[in-house]
Amino acid sequence: MKKVLALLVVMCIMITSFSLVSYADDGIKIKINGYNHEYDVMPVIINSRTMVPMRGIFESLGADISWDGD
């Protein structure tokens, strides 16, 4: 009886750990005004903070971005 119970517990632990791994690979999605956006530079999480490419965000909102090298 103890072997059956131990086997059942091990199987339950294995089944739940596999399902958690499959949900973890979704990645970060950026949604602005209900639309998904994809950018050249992907967002990353550093110290529990999500870092997103601001140029792409502002261009999606309609801002004009330019660079003056001088």
N, C-alpha and C. Protein backbone atom coordinates (compact mmCIF):
# COMPACT_ATOMS: atom_id res chain seq x y z
N MET A 1 0.82 -1.20 0.00
CA MET A 1 0.00 0.00 0.00
C MET A 1 0.86 1.26 0.00
N LYS A 2 1.95 1.22 0.77
CA LYS A 2 2.83 2.38 0.84
C LYS A 2 3.52 2.62 -0.50
N LYS A 3 3.86 1.55 -1.21
CA LYS A 3 4.52 1.71 -2.51
C LYS A 3 3.56 2.34 -3.52
N VAL A 4 2.31 1.93 -3.48
CA VAL A 4 1.32 2.49 -4.41
C VAL A 4 1.10 3.97 -4.12
N LEU A 5 1.01 4.33 -2.85
CA LEU A 5 0.82 5.72 -2.46
C LEU A 5 2.03 6.56 -2.85
N ALA A 6 3.23 6.04 -2.63
CA ALA A 6 4.45 6.76 -3.00
C ALA A 6 4.53 6.95 -4.51
N LEU A 7 4.18 5.92 -5.27
CA LEU A 7 4.18 6.02 -6.72
C LEU A 7 3.16 7.06 -7.20
N LEU A 8 2.00 7.08 -6.59
CA LEU A 8 0.97 8.05 -6.94
C LEU A 8 1.43 9.48 -6.66
N VAL A 9 2.07 9.70 -5.54
CA VAL A 9 2.58 11.03 -5.18
C VAL A 9 3.66 11.47 -6.17
N VAL A 10 4.57 10.58 -6.52
CA VAL A 10 5.64 10.91 -7.48
C VAL A 10 5.05 11.24 -8.84
N MET A 11 4.07 10.47 -9.28
CA MET A 11 3.46 10.73 -10.58
C MET A 11 2.73 12.07 -10.59
N CYS A 12 2.04 12.40 -9.51
CA CYS A 12 1.35 13.70 -9.43
C CYS A 12 2.35 14.86 -9.50
N ILE A 13 3.46 14.73 -8.81
CA ILE A 13 4.49 15.77 -8.84
C ILE A 13 5.06 15.92 -10.24
N MET A 14 5.33 14.81 -10.91
CA MET A 14 5.89 14.87 -12.26
C MET A 14 4.90 15.49 -13.25
N ILE A 15 3.64 15.14 -13.15
CA ILE A 15 2.64 15.67 -14.07
C ILE A 15 2.49 17.17 -13.89
N THR A 16 2.44 17.65 -12.66
CA THR A 16 2.28 19.09 -12.45
C THR A 16 3.53 19.86 -12.85
N SER A 17 4.71 19.28 -12.70
CA SER A 17 5.93 20.00 -13.09
C SER A 17 6.03 20.13 -14.60
N PHE A 18 5.58 19.16 -15.37
CA PHE A 18 5.62 19.25 -16.83
C PHE A 18 4.66 20.32 -17.34
N SER A 19 3.51 20.46 -16.74
CA SER A 19 2.56 21.46 -17.20
C SER A 19 3.05 22.87 -16.91
N LEU A 20 3.78 23.08 -15.83
CA LEU A 20 4.33 24.40 -15.52
C LEU A 20 5.38 24.81 -16.53
N VAL A 21 6.19 23.89 -16.99
CA VAL A 21 7.22 24.20 -17.97
C VAL A 21 6.60 24.61 -19.29
N SER A 22 5.54 24.00 -19.68
CA SER A 22 4.91 24.32 -20.97
C SER A 22 4.29 25.71 -20.96
N TYR A 23 3.84 26.20 -19.82
CA TYR A 23 3.27 27.54 -19.75
C TYR A 23 4.32 28.63 -19.64
N ALA A 24 5.54 28.31 -19.30
CA ALA A 24 6.56 29.31 -19.04
C ALA A 24 7.19 29.89 -20.29
N ASP A 25 6.98 29.32 -21.47
CA ASP A 25 7.68 29.75 -22.67
C ASP A 25 6.84 30.65 -23.57
N ASP A 26 5.98 31.47 -23.01
CA ASP A 26 5.16 32.36 -23.82
C ASP A 26 5.91 33.61 -24.27
N GLY A 27 6.88 34.06 -23.52
CA GLY A 27 7.59 35.28 -23.87
C GLY A 27 6.81 36.51 -23.45
N ILE A 28 7.35 37.68 -23.76
CA ILE A 28 6.73 38.94 -23.39
C ILE A 28 6.02 39.50 -24.62
N LYS A 29 4.78 39.90 -24.44
CA LYS A 29 4.00 40.47 -25.53
C LYS A 29 3.70 41.92 -25.20
N ILE A 30 3.80 42.79 -26.23
CA ILE A 30 3.49 44.21 -26.06
C ILE A 30 2.17 44.48 -26.76
N LYS A 31 1.22 45.02 -26.01
CA LYS A 31 -0.09 45.31 -26.56
C LYS A 31 -0.38 46.79 -26.31
N ILE A 32 -0.65 47.55 -27.40
CA ILE A 32 -0.97 48.98 -27.31
C ILE A 32 -2.30 49.19 -28.00
N ASN A 33 -3.23 49.80 -27.27
CA ASN A 33 -4.58 50.05 -27.79
C ASN A 33 -5.24 48.78 -28.33
N GLY A 34 -4.99 47.67 -27.68
CA GLY A 34 -5.62 46.41 -28.06
C GLY A 34 -4.95 45.65 -29.18
N TYR A 35 -3.84 46.17 -29.73
CA TYR A 35 -3.14 45.51 -30.82
C TYR A 35 -1.78 45.01 -30.36
N ASN A 36 -1.41 43.80 -30.75
CA ASN A 36 -0.09 43.26 -30.44
C ASN A 36 0.95 43.91 -31.35
N HIS A 37 2.12 44.23 -30.78
CA HIS A 37 3.21 44.84 -31.54
C HIS A 37 4.46 43.99 -31.39
N GLU A 38 5.23 43.88 -32.47
CA GLU A 38 6.51 43.19 -32.44
C GLU A 38 7.59 44.17 -32.88
N TYR A 39 8.73 44.12 -32.21
CA TYR A 39 9.81 45.06 -32.47
C TYR A 39 11.10 44.31 -32.76
N ASP A 40 12.10 45.05 -33.27
CA ASP A 40 13.40 44.46 -33.56
C ASP A 40 14.10 43.99 -32.29
N VAL A 41 13.99 44.79 -31.23
CA VAL A 41 14.60 44.46 -29.95
C VAL A 41 13.51 43.92 -29.04
N MET A 42 13.68 42.71 -28.56
CA MET A 42 12.67 42.09 -27.71
C MET A 42 12.77 42.62 -26.28
N PRO A 43 11.65 42.74 -25.59
CA PRO A 43 11.67 43.15 -24.19
C PRO A 43 12.35 42.08 -23.34
N VAL A 44 12.98 42.52 -22.25
CA VAL A 44 13.62 41.60 -21.31
C VAL A 44 13.19 41.97 -19.90
N ILE A 45 13.31 41.02 -19.00
CA ILE A 45 13.00 41.27 -17.59
C ILE A 45 14.32 41.29 -16.83
N ILE A 46 14.61 42.41 -16.16
CA ILE A 46 15.82 42.58 -15.36
C ILE A 46 15.39 43.05 -13.98
N ASN A 47 15.78 42.31 -12.95
CA ASN A 47 15.44 42.65 -11.56
C ASN A 47 13.93 42.87 -11.39
N SER A 48 13.14 41.98 -11.92
CA SER A 48 11.67 42.00 -11.82
C SER A 48 11.05 43.22 -12.50
N ARG A 49 11.76 43.84 -13.42
CA ARG A 49 11.25 44.98 -14.18
C ARG A 49 11.30 44.64 -15.67
N THR A 50 10.26 44.99 -16.40
CA THR A 50 10.23 44.71 -17.83
C THR A 50 10.81 45.90 -18.59
N MET A 51 11.87 45.65 -19.34
CA MET A 51 12.53 46.68 -20.14
C MET A 51 12.05 46.53 -21.59
N VAL A 52 11.43 47.58 -22.12
CA VAL A 52 10.89 47.53 -23.48
C VAL A 52 11.60 48.57 -24.35
N PRO A 53 11.63 48.37 -25.68
CA PRO A 53 12.25 49.34 -26.58
C PRO A 53 11.37 50.59 -26.70
N MET A 54 11.79 51.70 -26.14
CA MET A 54 10.96 52.90 -26.10
C MET A 54 10.72 53.50 -27.48
N ARG A 55 11.69 53.38 -28.38
CA ARG A 55 11.50 53.93 -29.74
C ARG A 55 10.28 53.29 -30.40
N GLY A 56 10.18 51.98 -30.34
CA GLY A 56 9.04 51.29 -30.93
C GLY A 56 7.73 51.65 -30.27
N ILE A 57 7.74 51.82 -28.95
CA ILE A 57 6.53 52.19 -28.23
C ILE A 57 6.05 53.56 -28.68
N PHE A 58 6.97 54.55 -28.71
CA PHE A 58 6.57 55.91 -29.09
C PHE A 58 6.15 55.99 -30.55
N GLU A 59 6.81 55.25 -31.43
CA GLU A 59 6.39 55.24 -32.84
C GLU A 59 5.00 54.62 -32.98
N SER A 60 4.69 53.62 -32.18
CA SER A 60 3.36 53.01 -32.22
C SER A 60 2.29 53.99 -31.75
N LEU A 61 2.68 54.91 -30.87
CA LEU A 61 1.74 55.92 -30.38
C LEU A 61 1.65 57.13 -31.29
N GLY A 62 2.46 57.16 -32.38
CA GLY A 62 2.37 58.24 -33.35
C GLY A 62 3.41 59.33 -33.19
N ALA A 63 4.40 59.16 -32.34
CA ALA A 63 5.44 60.17 -32.14
C ALA A 63 6.48 60.08 -33.25
N ASP A 64 7.06 61.24 -33.63
CA ASP A 64 8.15 61.28 -34.60
C ASP A 64 9.47 61.22 -33.84
N ILE A 65 10.32 60.27 -34.19
CA ILE A 65 11.61 60.08 -33.53
C ILE A 65 12.71 60.43 -34.52
N SER A 66 13.67 61.25 -34.09
CA SER A 66 14.81 61.58 -34.94
C SER A 66 16.07 61.63 -34.08
N TRP A 67 17.21 61.59 -34.74
CA TRP A 67 18.49 61.57 -34.03
C TRP A 67 19.40 62.61 -34.65
N ASP A 68 19.97 63.46 -33.81
CA ASP A 68 20.94 64.46 -34.24
C ASP A 68 22.27 64.08 -33.63
N GLY A 69 23.19 63.62 -34.45
CA GLY A 69 24.47 63.13 -33.97
C GLY A 69 25.42 64.21 -33.47
N ASP A 70 25.11 65.48 -33.69
CA ASP A 70 26.01 66.56 -33.25
C ASP A 70 25.71 67.03 -31.87
